[in-house]
């Protein structure tokens, strides 16, 4: 990329100054590339004439939204949106050209799928998408059928082709990237913004969720809107627009999976109370007050880790939590010994009880990406294993974000910043629940964990900014040593898994 292209993508322009002709000249090459990829997908997937009608409206929507974002934002959000669309379209094209049924050894329930749970949503989507009458017969109290109904709508309108849902998710996934970036730039500086720009465009986990028939793409969009509204709630922006985003975000999350929302209530309330000023230092409390809050948070985390099913049952008496029974089912499976995972330390952790097992499963969830071994990451050229791609997407994103998340938590404690501490506790609580609900080391455990990727990236961006703009030279030097040791640890762990010394 030359200097001129960088200037176009990353230069800041005062809101409202750009004319539509100037925007068009900036974005036209990306429009052409998007159109070319859309056309290529139609040629390789052969979904019928409806595809080209749909493709026209898809490109029309992409161009229209990119113009709006580019012309009405201080940063180049239109370019960001288009780049995110292009990256996702390229992966969709690859899937259509070499479909998942050619994948050796993938765990799937039917052909053409990247992730095994896609079969459930597609089966119900095909059922509901036959006629308008069948669509109205879905059980709206069942969150899984609600998501299936979303995909069924496109089947009803356009016909039976898997590509519809993937392209709709591409559009929504690219929109999520813009919302997340708009959140992160409020409190990170120039070098951090540059890295965040490209990481959000190419983030493997966001990319994975943007092309599969799962609930997470909608869930992450809803969570991103909620967090964006919270971050900007006490800033100089319109209160009405932030309340609209909060309402839209909660509505989306309630439609998709409302059992994931109650952990957001804590940071939502406290973030408003502490009146965080985005981009500036947070609310610093007196030492006694902060220590008291820290002790209360530690007690909350300990109680959740020791008795997660009882905690969620208590919340369930106050809030309708559809899907929360998964935690109870997992607890029964663990007690009955029906769960067996070939992962380091898993059997040892299963022998523990109470708080020790809760924390042990949480520890396994922090290590779970090591299942993507060297062998898995090097599939036979020309015959890619798309399920391994999906699993590896979570591994790569998590290992990149984890040290910066930890650094952000350390910074919140060091500066006694209650706002950032609230988000930290929110993520820790969610990880504990995911570990106990999905056995800590399993595939579904880190899929559930990564449904909170907006919170993960919120903290990771804060930690990255602290890395690039350290408070002191000594701390920067110590942190560099820690990052080097962490990198060696990760590579060693993956290599040991790859040669079969640990795990499978």
Protein backbone atom coordinates (compact mmCIF):
# COMPACT_ATOMS: atom_id res chain seq x y z
CA UNK A 1 0.00 0.00 0.00
CA UNK A 2 1.52 3.32 -1.05
CA UNK A 3 1.50 6.62 0.85
CA UNK A 4 -1.49 8.00 -1.04
CA UNK A 5 -3.62 4.94 -0.23
CA UNK A 6 -2.69 5.14 3.44
CA UNK A 7 -3.66 8.79 3.49
CA UNK A 8 -7.04 7.98 1.94
CA UNK A 9 -7.76 5.20 4.42
CA UNK A 10 -6.58 6.76 7.65
CA UNK A 11 -6.63 10.54 7.31
CA UNK A 12 -9.12 12.33 9.59
CA UNK A 13 -11.55 14.72 7.97
CA UNK A 14 -13.88 17.09 9.74
CA UNK A 15 -17.42 15.74 9.73
CA UNK A 16 -19.53 17.10 6.92
CA UNK A 17 -16.69 18.45 4.79
CA UNK A 18 -16.58 15.59 2.29
CA UNK A 19 -18.67 15.89 -0.84
CA UNK A 20 -20.30 12.85 -2.39
CA UNK A 21 -18.07 13.15 -5.45
CA UNK A 22 -14.97 13.09 -3.28
CA UNK A 23 -16.28 10.10 -1.33
CA UNK A 24 -17.07 8.28 -4.58
CA UNK A 25 -13.55 8.84 -5.91
CA UNK A 26 -12.09 7.44 -2.68
CA UNK A 27 -14.30 4.38 -2.46
CA UNK A 28 -14.84 3.47 -6.14
CA UNK A 29 -11.93 0.96 -6.33
CA UNK A 30 -13.30 -0.89 -3.29
CA UNK A 31 -16.80 -0.91 -4.80
CA UNK A 32 -15.47 -2.47 -8.00
CA UNK A 33 -13.59 -5.12 -6.03
CA UNK A 34 -16.69 -5.93 -3.96
CA UNK A 35 -18.82 -6.24 -7.11
CA UNK A 36 -16.24 -8.51 -8.76
CA UNK A 37 -16.16 -10.87 -5.78
CA UNK A 38 -19.97 -10.94 -5.54
CA UNK A 39 -20.14 -11.85 -9.23
CA UNK A 40 -17.51 -14.56 -8.74
CA UNK A 41 -19.47 -16.08 -5.84
CA UNK A 42 -22.54 -16.28 -8.07
CA UNK A 43 -20.59 -18.00 -10.83
CA UNK A 44 -19.00 -20.67 -8.61
CA UNK A 45 -22.04 -21.37 -6.39
CA UNK A 46 -24.68 -21.33 -9.17
CA UNK A 47 -27.58 -20.37 -6.85
CA UNK A 48 -29.89 -19.33 -9.72
CA UNK A 49 -31.13 -16.09 -11.26
CA UNK A 50 -32.37 -14.81 -7.91
CA UNK A 51 -28.78 -14.45 -6.84
CA UNK A 52 -28.04 -11.70 -9.33
CA UNK A 53 -31.15 -9.78 -8.25
CA UNK A 54 -30.06 -10.21 -4.64
CA UNK A 55 -26.48 -9.31 -5.58
CA UNK A 56 -27.67 -6.02 -7.07
CA UNK A 57 -29.46 -5.01 -3.88
CA UNK A 58 -26.55 -6.28 -1.78
CA UNK A 59 -24.05 -4.10 -3.65
CA UNK A 60 -26.49 -1.20 -3.64
CA UNK A 61 -26.77 -1.45 0.16
CA UNK A 62 -22.99 -1.78 0.56
CA UNK A 63 -22.33 1.28 -1.63
CA UNK A 64 -25.05 3.34 0.05
CA UNK A 65 -23.91 2.56 3.60
CA UNK A 66 -20.23 3.11 2.74
CA UNK A 67 -21.04 6.57 1.29
CA UNK A 68 -23.01 7.48 4.42
CA UNK A 69 -20.27 6.28 6.77
CA UNK A 70 -17.49 7.98 4.81
CA UNK A 71 -19.32 11.30 4.42
CA UNK A 72 -20.73 11.58 7.94
CA UNK A 73 -17.86 10.44 10.13
CA UNK A 74 -14.64 12.09 11.21
CA UNK A 75 -12.69 8.91 10.38
CA UNK A 76 -12.86 6.85 7.20
CA UNK A 77 -15.55 4.43 8.35
CA UNK A 78 -16.73 3.85 4.78
CA UNK A 79 -13.32 2.43 3.85
CA UNK A 80 -13.32 0.31 7.00
CA UNK A 81 -16.76 -1.08 6.19
CA UNK A 82 -15.82 -1.90 2.59
CA UNK A 83 -12.55 -3.58 3.54
CA UNK A 84 -14.38 -5.70 6.11
CA UNK A 85 -16.95 -6.68 3.46
CA UNK A 86 -14.23 -7.56 0.94
CA UNK A 87 -12.27 -9.78 3.33
CA UNK A 88 -15.46 -11.66 4.28
CA UNK A 89 -16.54 -12.00 0.67
CA UNK A 90 -13.15 -13.49 -0.23
CA UNK A 91 -13.56 -16.18 2.42
CA UNK A 92 -17.14 -16.82 1.25
CA UNK A 93 -15.86 -17.20 -2.30
CA UNK A 94 -13.28 -19.73 -1.11
CA UNK A 95 -15.98 -21.70 0.72
CA UNK A 96 -18.22 -21.74 -2.35
CA UNK A 97 -15.28 -22.72 -4.62
CA UNK A 98 -14.06 -25.49 -2.26
CA UNK A 99 -17.15 -26.35 -0.18
CA UNK A 100 -16.88 -27.95 3.26
CA UNK A 101 -18.03 -31.38 2.06
CA UNK A 102 -14.51 -31.76 0.64
CA UNK A 103 -13.06 -31.31 4.11
CA UNK A 104 -11.40 -34.42 5.54
CA UNK A 105 -12.13 -35.25 9.15
CA UNK A 106 -14.48 -32.34 9.87
CA UNK A 107 -17.08 -32.81 12.59
CA UNK A 108 -20.40 -31.99 10.92
CA UNK A 109 -24.01 -33.17 10.85
CA UNK A 110 -24.61 -32.59 7.13
CA UNK A 111 -22.70 -31.45 4.07
CA UNK A 112 -21.77 -27.86 3.24
CA UNK A 113 -21.20 -26.75 6.83
CA UNK A 114 -18.24 -25.11 8.57
CA UNK A 115 -19.47 -25.56 12.14
CA UNK A 116 -21.54 -28.54 13.29
CA UNK A 117 -24.31 -26.44 14.93
CA UNK A 118 -25.08 -24.79 11.60
CA UNK A 119 -27.09 -27.92 10.73
CA UNK A 120 -29.63 -27.21 13.47
CA UNK A 121 -30.33 -23.65 12.33
CA UNK A 122 -30.42 -24.57 8.64
CA UNK A 123 -32.74 -27.54 9.18
CA UNK A 124 -35.25 -25.30 10.95
CA UNK A 125 -34.67 -22.43 8.49
CA UNK A 126 -35.57 -24.67 5.56
CA UNK A 127 -38.64 -25.86 7.46
CA UNK A 128 -39.86 -22.36 8.35
CA UNK A 129 -38.89 -20.85 4.99
CA UNK A 130 -41.28 -22.89 2.85
CA UNK A 131 -44.20 -20.43 3.04
CA UNK A 132 -45.21 -17.34 4.97
CA UNK A 133 -47.56 -19.55 6.98
CA UNK A 134 -44.81 -21.95 8.09
CA UNK A 135 -42.65 -18.99 9.11
CA UNK A 136 -45.34 -17.77 11.50
CA UNK A 137 -45.49 -21.19 13.17
CA UNK A 138 -42.03 -20.98 14.75
CA UNK A 139 -41.89 -20.96 18.55
CA UNK A 140 -40.96 -17.36 19.40
CA UNK A 141 -40.16 -18.41 22.97
CA UNK A 142 -37.35 -20.62 21.67
CA UNK A 143 -34.23 -18.51 20.91
CA UNK A 144 -32.87 -21.17 18.54
CA UNK A 145 -36.01 -21.07 16.43
CA UNK A 146 -35.95 -17.27 16.47
CA UNK A 147 -32.48 -17.29 14.91
CA UNK A 148 -33.55 -20.00 12.44
CA UNK A 149 -36.49 -17.78 11.52
CA UNK A 150 -34.08 -14.97 10.62
CA UNK A 151 -32.38 -17.23 8.06
CA UNK A 152 -35.73 -18.68 6.97
CA UNK A 153 -36.84 -15.21 5.89
CA UNK A 154 -34.12 -15.07 3.22
CA UNK A 155 -34.92 -18.59 2.02
CA UNK A 156 -38.59 -17.59 1.72
CA UNK A 157 -37.77 -14.44 -0.25
CA UNK A 158 -34.96 -15.74 -2.47
CA UNK A 159 -35.14 -19.51 -2.61
CA UNK A 160 -33.15 -22.44 -1.24
CA UNK A 161 -29.45 -21.53 -1.38
CA UNK A 162 -26.94 -21.57 1.48
CA UNK A 163 -25.18 -18.50 0.13
CA UNK A 164 -28.01 -16.13 1.17
CA UNK A 165 -27.37 -16.44 4.88
CA UNK A 166 -23.62 -16.19 4.46
CA UNK A 167 -23.89 -12.92 2.53
CA UNK A 168 -26.37 -11.42 4.99
CA UNK A 169 -23.95 -12.29 7.78
CA UNK A 170 -21.10 -10.72 5.79
CA UNK A 171 -23.02 -7.43 5.70
CA UNK A 172 -23.92 -7.51 9.40
CA UNK A 173 -20.40 -8.64 10.37
CA UNK A 174 -18.84 -5.70 8.50
CA UNK A 175 -21.28 -3.35 10.22
CA UNK A 176 -20.21 -4.81 13.57
CA UNK A 177 -16.59 -3.98 12.71
CA UNK A 178 -17.53 -0.32 12.20
CA UNK A 179 -19.47 -0.16 15.48
CA UNK A 180 -16.58 -1.77 17.38
CA UNK A 181 -13.99 0.53 15.82
CA UNK A 182 -16.14 3.58 16.61
CA UNK A 183 -16.11 2.39 20.23
CA UNK A 184 -12.38 1.72 20.47
CA UNK A 185 -11.17 4.98 18.91
CA UNK A 186 -12.76 6.89 21.80
CA UNK A 187 -9.98 5.91 24.18
CA UNK A 188 -6.97 4.75 22.13
CA UNK A 189 -4.38 6.86 20.35
CA UNK A 190 -3.11 7.03 16.77
CA UNK A 191 -0.79 3.99 16.59
CA UNK A 192 -3.30 1.87 18.49
CA UNK A 193 -6.08 3.02 16.15
CA UNK A 194 -4.07 1.91 13.11
CA UNK A 195 -3.55 -1.58 14.57
CA UNK A 196 -7.17 -1.81 15.73
CA UNK A 197 -8.35 -0.83 12.23
CA UNK A 198 -6.62 -3.74 10.54
CA UNK A 199 -7.18 -6.23 13.34
CA UNK A 200 -10.94 -5.66 13.28
CA UNK A 201 -10.99 -6.00 9.49
CA UNK A 202 -9.11 -9.31 9.58
CA UNK A 203 -9.86 -10.66 13.09
CA UNK A 204 -10.21 -14.43 12.60
CA UNK A 205 -12.95 -14.83 15.19
CA UNK A 206 -15.04 -11.96 13.80
CA UNK A 207 -14.42 -13.36 10.33
CA UNK A 208 -15.59 -16.82 11.40
CA UNK A 209 -18.82 -15.56 12.98
CA UNK A 210 -19.49 -13.39 9.88
CA UNK A 211 -19.82 -16.36 7.51
CA UNK A 212 -21.54 -19.10 9.52
CA UNK A 213 -25.18 -19.88 10.26
CA UNK A 214 -24.95 -19.31 14.02
CA UNK A 215 -26.50 -16.86 16.48
CA UNK A 216 -23.19 -15.22 17.38
CA UNK A 217 -23.06 -12.79 14.46
CA UNK A 218 -26.30 -11.13 15.56
CA UNK A 219 -25.37 -11.42 19.23
CA UNK A 220 -22.02 -9.69 18.71
CA UNK A 221 -23.70 -6.88 16.75
CA UNK A 222 -26.15 -6.37 19.61
CA UNK A 223 -23.41 -6.39 22.24
CA UNK A 224 -21.32 -3.97 20.15
CA UNK A 225 -24.23 -1.52 20.00
CA UNK A 226 -24.73 -1.79 23.76
CA UNK A 227 -21.05 -1.17 24.51
CA UNK A 228 -20.85 1.68 22.00
CA UNK A 229 -23.85 3.33 23.66
CA UNK A 230 -22.32 2.90 27.13
CA UNK A 231 -18.93 4.26 26.07
CA UNK A 232 -20.48 7.36 24.49
CA UNK A 233 -23.32 7.77 26.98
CA UNK A 234 -21.56 10.35 29.15
CA UNK A 235 -19.61 11.95 26.33
CA UNK A 236 -20.68 14.98 24.33
CA UNK A 237 -22.85 12.96 21.95
CA UNK A 238 -26.62 12.99 21.75
CA UNK A 239 -28.22 11.15 24.65
CA UNK A 240 -31.16 10.14 22.46
CA UNK A 241 -28.96 8.38 19.88
CA UNK A 242 -27.10 6.46 22.59
CA UNK A 243 -30.36 5.34 24.19
CA UNK A 244 -31.53 4.19 20.76
CA UNK A 245 -28.36 2.10 20.33
CA UNK A 246 -28.76 0.64 23.81
CA UNK A 247 -32.37 -0.26 23.06
CA UNK A 248 -31.54 -1.76 19.67
CA UNK A 249 -28.63 -3.72 21.12
CA UNK A 250 -30.69 -5.17 23.97
CA UNK A 251 -33.54 -6.02 21.56
CA UNK A 252 -31.16 -7.93 19.26
CA UNK A 253 -29.55 -9.77 22.16
CA UNK A 254 -32.90 -10.66 23.70
CA UNK A 255 -34.06 -12.02 20.35
CA UNK A 256 -30.93 -14.11 19.88
CA UNK A 257 -30.00 -15.29 23.38
CA UNK A 258 -31.14 -13.38 26.43
CA UNK A 259 -29.27 -15.58 28.92
CA UNK A 260 -26.04 -13.75 27.99
CA UNK A 261 -27.31 -10.32 29.01
CA UNK A 262 -27.52 -10.34 32.77
CA UNK A 263 -23.74 -10.11 33.21
CA UNK A 264 -23.86 -6.83 31.27
CA UNK A 265 -26.18 -5.28 33.84
CA UNK A 266 -23.32 -4.83 36.32
CA UNK A 267 -20.99 -2.78 34.09
CA UNK A 268 -23.96 -1.01 32.49
CA UNK A 269 -25.21 0.38 35.80
CA UNK A 270 -21.79 1.12 37.27
CA UNK A 271 -20.45 2.64 34.04
CA UNK A 272 -23.29 5.15 34.10
CA UNK A 273 -22.90 5.84 37.81
CA UNK A 274 -19.15 6.41 37.59
CA UNK A 275 -19.60 8.88 34.69
CA UNK A 276 -16.72 7.69 32.56
CA UNK A 277 -15.27 10.34 30.24
CA UNK A 278 -14.20 8.53 27.10
CA UNK A 279 -10.58 9.05 26.06
CA UNK A 280 -9.60 10.54 29.41
CA UNK A 281 -8.57 9.05 32.72
CA UNK A 282 -11.34 7.12 34.40
CA UNK A 283 -12.99 7.53 37.76
CA UNK A 284 -10.22 7.06 40.36
CA UNK A 285 -11.50 6.18 43.82
CA UNK A 286 -9.92 6.51 47.23
CA UNK A 287 -7.84 3.53 48.32
CA UNK A 288 -10.26 2.27 51.05
CA UNK A 289 -13.28 2.53 48.75
CA UNK A 290 -11.50 0.82 45.87
CA UNK A 291 -10.21 -1.99 48.12
CA UNK A 292 -13.74 -2.56 49.42
CA UNK A 293 -15.12 -2.77 45.87
CA UNK A 294 -12.27 -5.08 44.88
CA UNK A 295 -13.04 -7.41 47.81
CA UNK A 296 -16.73 -7.46 46.90
CA UNK A 297 -15.88 -8.28 43.28
CA UNK A 298 -13.52 -11.05 44.41
CA UNK A 299 -16.26 -12.51 46.61
CA UNK A 300 -18.69 -12.37 43.67
CA UNK A 301 -16.23 -14.10 41.35
CA UNK A 302 -15.49 -16.75 43.98
CA UNK A 303 -19.15 -17.49 44.61
CA UNK A 304 -19.84 -17.79 40.87
CA UNK A 305 -16.88 -20.13 40.40
CA UNK A 306 -17.91 -22.28 43.39
CA UNK A 307 -21.64 -22.57 42.65
CA UNK A 308 -22.38 -21.29 39.13
CA UNK A 309 -25.65 -23.21 38.76
CA UNK A 310 -27.05 -21.76 42.01
CA UNK A 311 -26.06 -18.23 41.01
CA UNK A 312 -27.77 -18.49 37.65
CA UNK A 313 -30.82 -20.06 39.33
CA UNK A 314 -31.01 -17.04 41.62
CA UNK A 315 -30.79 -14.69 38.63
CA UNK A 316 -33.36 -16.82 36.84
CA UNK A 317 -35.88 -16.07 39.61
CA UNK A 318 -35.47 -12.36 38.82
CA UNK A 319 -34.95 -12.35 35.06
CA UNK A 320 -36.31 -14.62 32.33
CA UNK A 321 -33.19 -16.45 31.10
CA UNK A 322 -34.03 -18.65 28.13
CA UNK A 323 -31.24 -21.16 27.54
CA UNK A 324 -29.82 -21.01 31.08
CA UNK A 325 -30.71 -24.69 31.57
CA UNK A 326 -27.55 -25.51 29.57
CA UNK A 327 -25.55 -24.82 32.72
CA UNK A 328 -27.61 -27.27 34.77
CA UNK A 329 -27.33 -29.95 32.09
CA UNK A 330 -23.56 -29.53 32.02
CA UNK A 331 -23.31 -29.74 35.78
CA UNK A 332 -25.23 -33.03 35.75
CA UNK A 333 -23.04 -34.38 32.95
CA UNK A 334 -19.90 -33.49 34.89
CA UNK A 335 -21.17 -35.18 38.05
CA UNK A 336 -22.22 -38.32 36.18
CA UNK A 337 -18.83 -38.69 34.50
CA UNK A 338 -20.38 -38.66 31.01
CA UNK A 339 -18.02 -35.94 29.82
CA UNK A 340 -14.53 -36.90 28.70
CA UNK A 341 -12.20 -34.52 26.88
CA UNK A 342 -8.70 -35.41 25.76
CA UNK A 343 -7.03 -32.27 27.07
CA UNK A 344 -4.16 -31.67 29.49
CA UNK A 345 -5.24 -31.62 33.14
CA UNK A 346 -8.94 -32.17 32.32
CA UNK A 347 -9.32 -35.44 34.24
CA UNK A 348 -7.44 -33.96 37.21
CA UNK A 349 -9.73 -30.93 37.27
CA UNK A 350 -12.80 -33.20 37.13
CA UNK A 351 -11.70 -34.80 40.39
CA UNK A 352 -11.90 -31.45 42.17
CA UNK A 353 -15.06 -29.92 43.61
CA UNK A 354 -16.58 -26.55 44.38
CA UNK A 355 -14.43 -23.47 43.91
CA UNK A 356 -11.35 -25.49 42.94
CA UNK A 357 -13.11 -27.15 39.99
CA UNK A 358 -14.77 -23.91 38.91
CA UNK A 359 -11.42 -22.14 38.79
CA UNK A 360 -9.76 -25.19 37.20
CA UNK A 361 -12.26 -25.25 34.35
CA UNK A 362 -11.75 -21.53 33.92
CA UNK A 363 -8.01 -22.12 33.63
CA UNK A 364 -8.63 -24.75 30.94
CA UNK A 365 -10.76 -22.29 29.00
CA UNK A 366 -7.80 -19.90 28.96
CA UNK A 367 -5.67 -22.70 27.45
CA UNK A 368 -8.29 -24.35 25.23
CA UNK A 369 -6.99 -23.02 21.89
CA UNK A 370 -4.00 -25.37 22.15
CA UNK A 371 -6.24 -28.04 20.58
CA UNK A 372 -5.38 -26.37 17.26
CA UNK A 373 -2.10 -28.20 16.87
CA UNK A 374 0.59 -27.73 14.24
CA UNK A 375 -0.84 -30.68 12.31
CA UNK A 376 -4.29 -29.07 12.28
CA UNK A 377 -2.93 -25.70 11.22
CA UNK A 378 -1.16 -27.23 8.21
CA UNK A 379 -3.90 -29.01 6.20
CA UNK A 380 -3.18 -30.50 2.80
CA UNK A 381 -2.79 -27.71 0.23
CA UNK A 382 -5.86 -27.39 -1.99
CA UNK A 383 -8.06 -29.43 0.34
CA UNK A 384 -8.60 -27.17 3.35
CA UNK A 385 -10.36 -28.32 6.47
CA UNK A 386 -12.91 -25.54 7.06
CA UNK A 387 -13.80 -26.80 10.51
CA UNK A 388 -10.16 -26.46 11.52
CA UNK A 389 -10.26 -22.94 10.07
CA UNK A 390 -13.20 -22.18 12.37
CA UNK A 391 -11.47 -23.61 15.44
CA UNK A 392 -8.18 -21.91 14.60
CA UNK A 393 -9.98 -18.58 14.21
CA UNK A 394 -10.83 -18.63 17.91
CA UNK A 395 -7.34 -19.76 18.88
CA UNK A 396 -5.45 -17.06 16.99
CA UNK A 397 -7.73 -14.21 18.09
CA UNK A 398 -7.73 -15.29 21.73
CA UNK A 399 -3.98 -15.74 22.03
CA UNK A 400 -3.41 -12.30 20.45
CA UNK A 401 -5.90 -10.53 22.73
CA UNK A 402 -5.22 -12.34 26.03
CA UNK A 403 -2.02 -10.55 27.18
CA UNK A 404 -3.45 -7.11 26.40
CA UNK A 405 -6.68 -7.97 28.23
CA UNK A 406 -4.60 -8.92 31.27
CA UNK A 407 -2.60 -5.70 30.99
CA UNK A 408 -5.82 -3.67 30.88
CA UNK A 409 -7.07 -5.42 34.03
CA UNK A 410 -3.74 -4.73 35.72
CA UNK A 411 -3.98 -1.08 34.69
CA UNK A 412 -7.52 -0.78 36.07
CA UNK A 413 -6.38 -2.09 39.45
CA UNK A 414 -3.20 0.02 39.48
CA UNK A 415 -5.03 3.27 38.69
CA UNK A 416 -8.11 2.36 40.79
CA UNK A 417 -10.26 2.95 37.70
CA UNK A 418 -13.69 1.57 38.57
CA UNK A 419 -15.03 1.92 35.01
CA UNK A 420 -12.44 -0.40 33.48
CA UNK A 421 -12.60 -2.70 36.49
CA UNK A 422 -16.33 -3.18 35.87
CA UNK A 423 -15.70 -4.39 32.32
CA UNK A 424 -12.92 -6.65 33.59
CA UNK A 425 -15.22 -8.27 36.14
CA UNK A 426 -17.90 -8.63 33.47
CA UNK A 427 -15.53 -10.63 31.24
CA UNK A 428 -14.13 -12.74 34.11
CA UNK A 429 -17.63 -13.70 35.24
CA UNK A 430 -18.63 -14.64 31.69
CA UNK A 431 -15.53 -16.80 31.22
CA UNK A 432 -16.30 -18.64 34.48
CA UNK A 433 -19.86 -19.33 33.35
CA UNK A 434 -18.71 -20.50 29.91
CA UNK A 435 -16.09 -22.79 31.44
CA UNK A 436 -18.58 -24.43 33.78
CA UNK A 437 -21.39 -24.60 31.24
CA UNK A 438 -19.26 -26.08 28.47
CA UNK A 439 -16.58 -28.09 30.31
CA UNK A 440 -13.77 -25.57 30.04
CA UNK A 441 -11.69 -27.26 27.37
CA UNK A 442 -14.31 -28.10 24.74
CA UNK A 443 -14.97 -26.44 21.40
CA UNK A 444 -18.28 -24.96 22.54
CA UNK A 445 -16.65 -23.45 25.64
CA UNK A 446 -14.48 -21.03 23.71
CA UNK A 447 -17.23 -20.41 21.17
CA UNK A 448 -19.45 -19.22 24.05
CA UNK A 449 -16.55 -17.24 25.51
CA UNK A 450 -15.91 -15.50 22.19
CA UNK A 451 -19.53 -14.43 21.87
CA UNK A 452 -18.34 -11.69 24.27
CA UNK A 453 -15.66 -10.65 21.79
CA UNK A 454 -16.76 -6.96 21.95
CA UNK A 455 -15.83 -6.90 25.66
CA UNK A 456 -12.61 -8.82 24.94
CA UNK A 457 -11.58 -6.31 22.27
CA UNK A 458 -12.60 -3.37 24.44
CA UNK A 459 -10.11 -4.48 27.09
CA UNK A 460 -7.51 -5.66 24.56
CA UNK A 461 -7.51 -2.25 22.85
CA UNK A 462 -7.02 -0.57 26.21
CA UNK A 463 -4.09 -2.89 26.98
CA UNK A 464 -2.60 -2.35 23.51
CA UNK A 465 -2.76 1.42 23.95
CA UNK A 466 -1.02 1.13 27.33
CA UNK A 467 1.67 -0.95 25.62
CA UNK A 468 2.29 1.57 22.85
CA UNK A 469 2.01 4.57 25.18
CA UNK A 470 3.49 3.34 28.50
CA UNK A 471 3.31 5.38 31.67
CA UNK A 472 7.03 4.85 32.36
CA UNK A 473 10.12 3.49 30.64
CA UNK A 474 10.65 0.91 33.37
CA UNK A 475 7.14 -0.48 33.08
CA UNK A 476 7.49 -0.60 29.29
CA UNK A 477 10.69 -2.62 29.60
CA UNK A 478 9.16 -5.09 32.06
CA UNK A 479 6.08 -5.47 29.87
CA UNK A 480 8.24 -6.22 26.81
CA UNK A 481 9.94 -9.05 28.70
CA UNK A 482 6.54 -10.42 29.73
CA UNK A 483 5.27 -10.32 26.13
CA UNK A 484 8.37 -12.17 24.90
CA UNK A 485 7.97 -14.84 27.58
CA UNK A 486 4.26 -15.14 26.73
CA UNK A 487 5.04 -15.58 23.02
CA UNK A 488 7.56 -18.34 23.77
CA UNK A 489 5.01 -20.01 26.07
CA UNK A 490 2.26 -19.97 23.41
CA UNK A 491 4.51 -21.30 20.65
CA UNK A 492 5.87 -24.03 22.92
CA UNK A 493 2.38 -25.07 24.00
CA UNK A 494 1.13 -25.31 20.41
CA UNK A 495 4.21 -27.24 19.29
CA UNK A 496 3.83 -29.71 22.19
CA UNK A 497 0.20 -30.20 21.20
CA UNK A 498 1.23 -30.59 17.58
CA UNK A 499 3.66 -33.42 18.24
CA UNK A 500 1.24 -35.12 20.64
CA UNK A 501 3.08 -34.52 23.92
CA UNK A 502 -0.02 -32.91 25.43
CA UNK A 503 -3.66 -33.19 24.43
CA UNK A 504 -4.87 -34.47 21.12
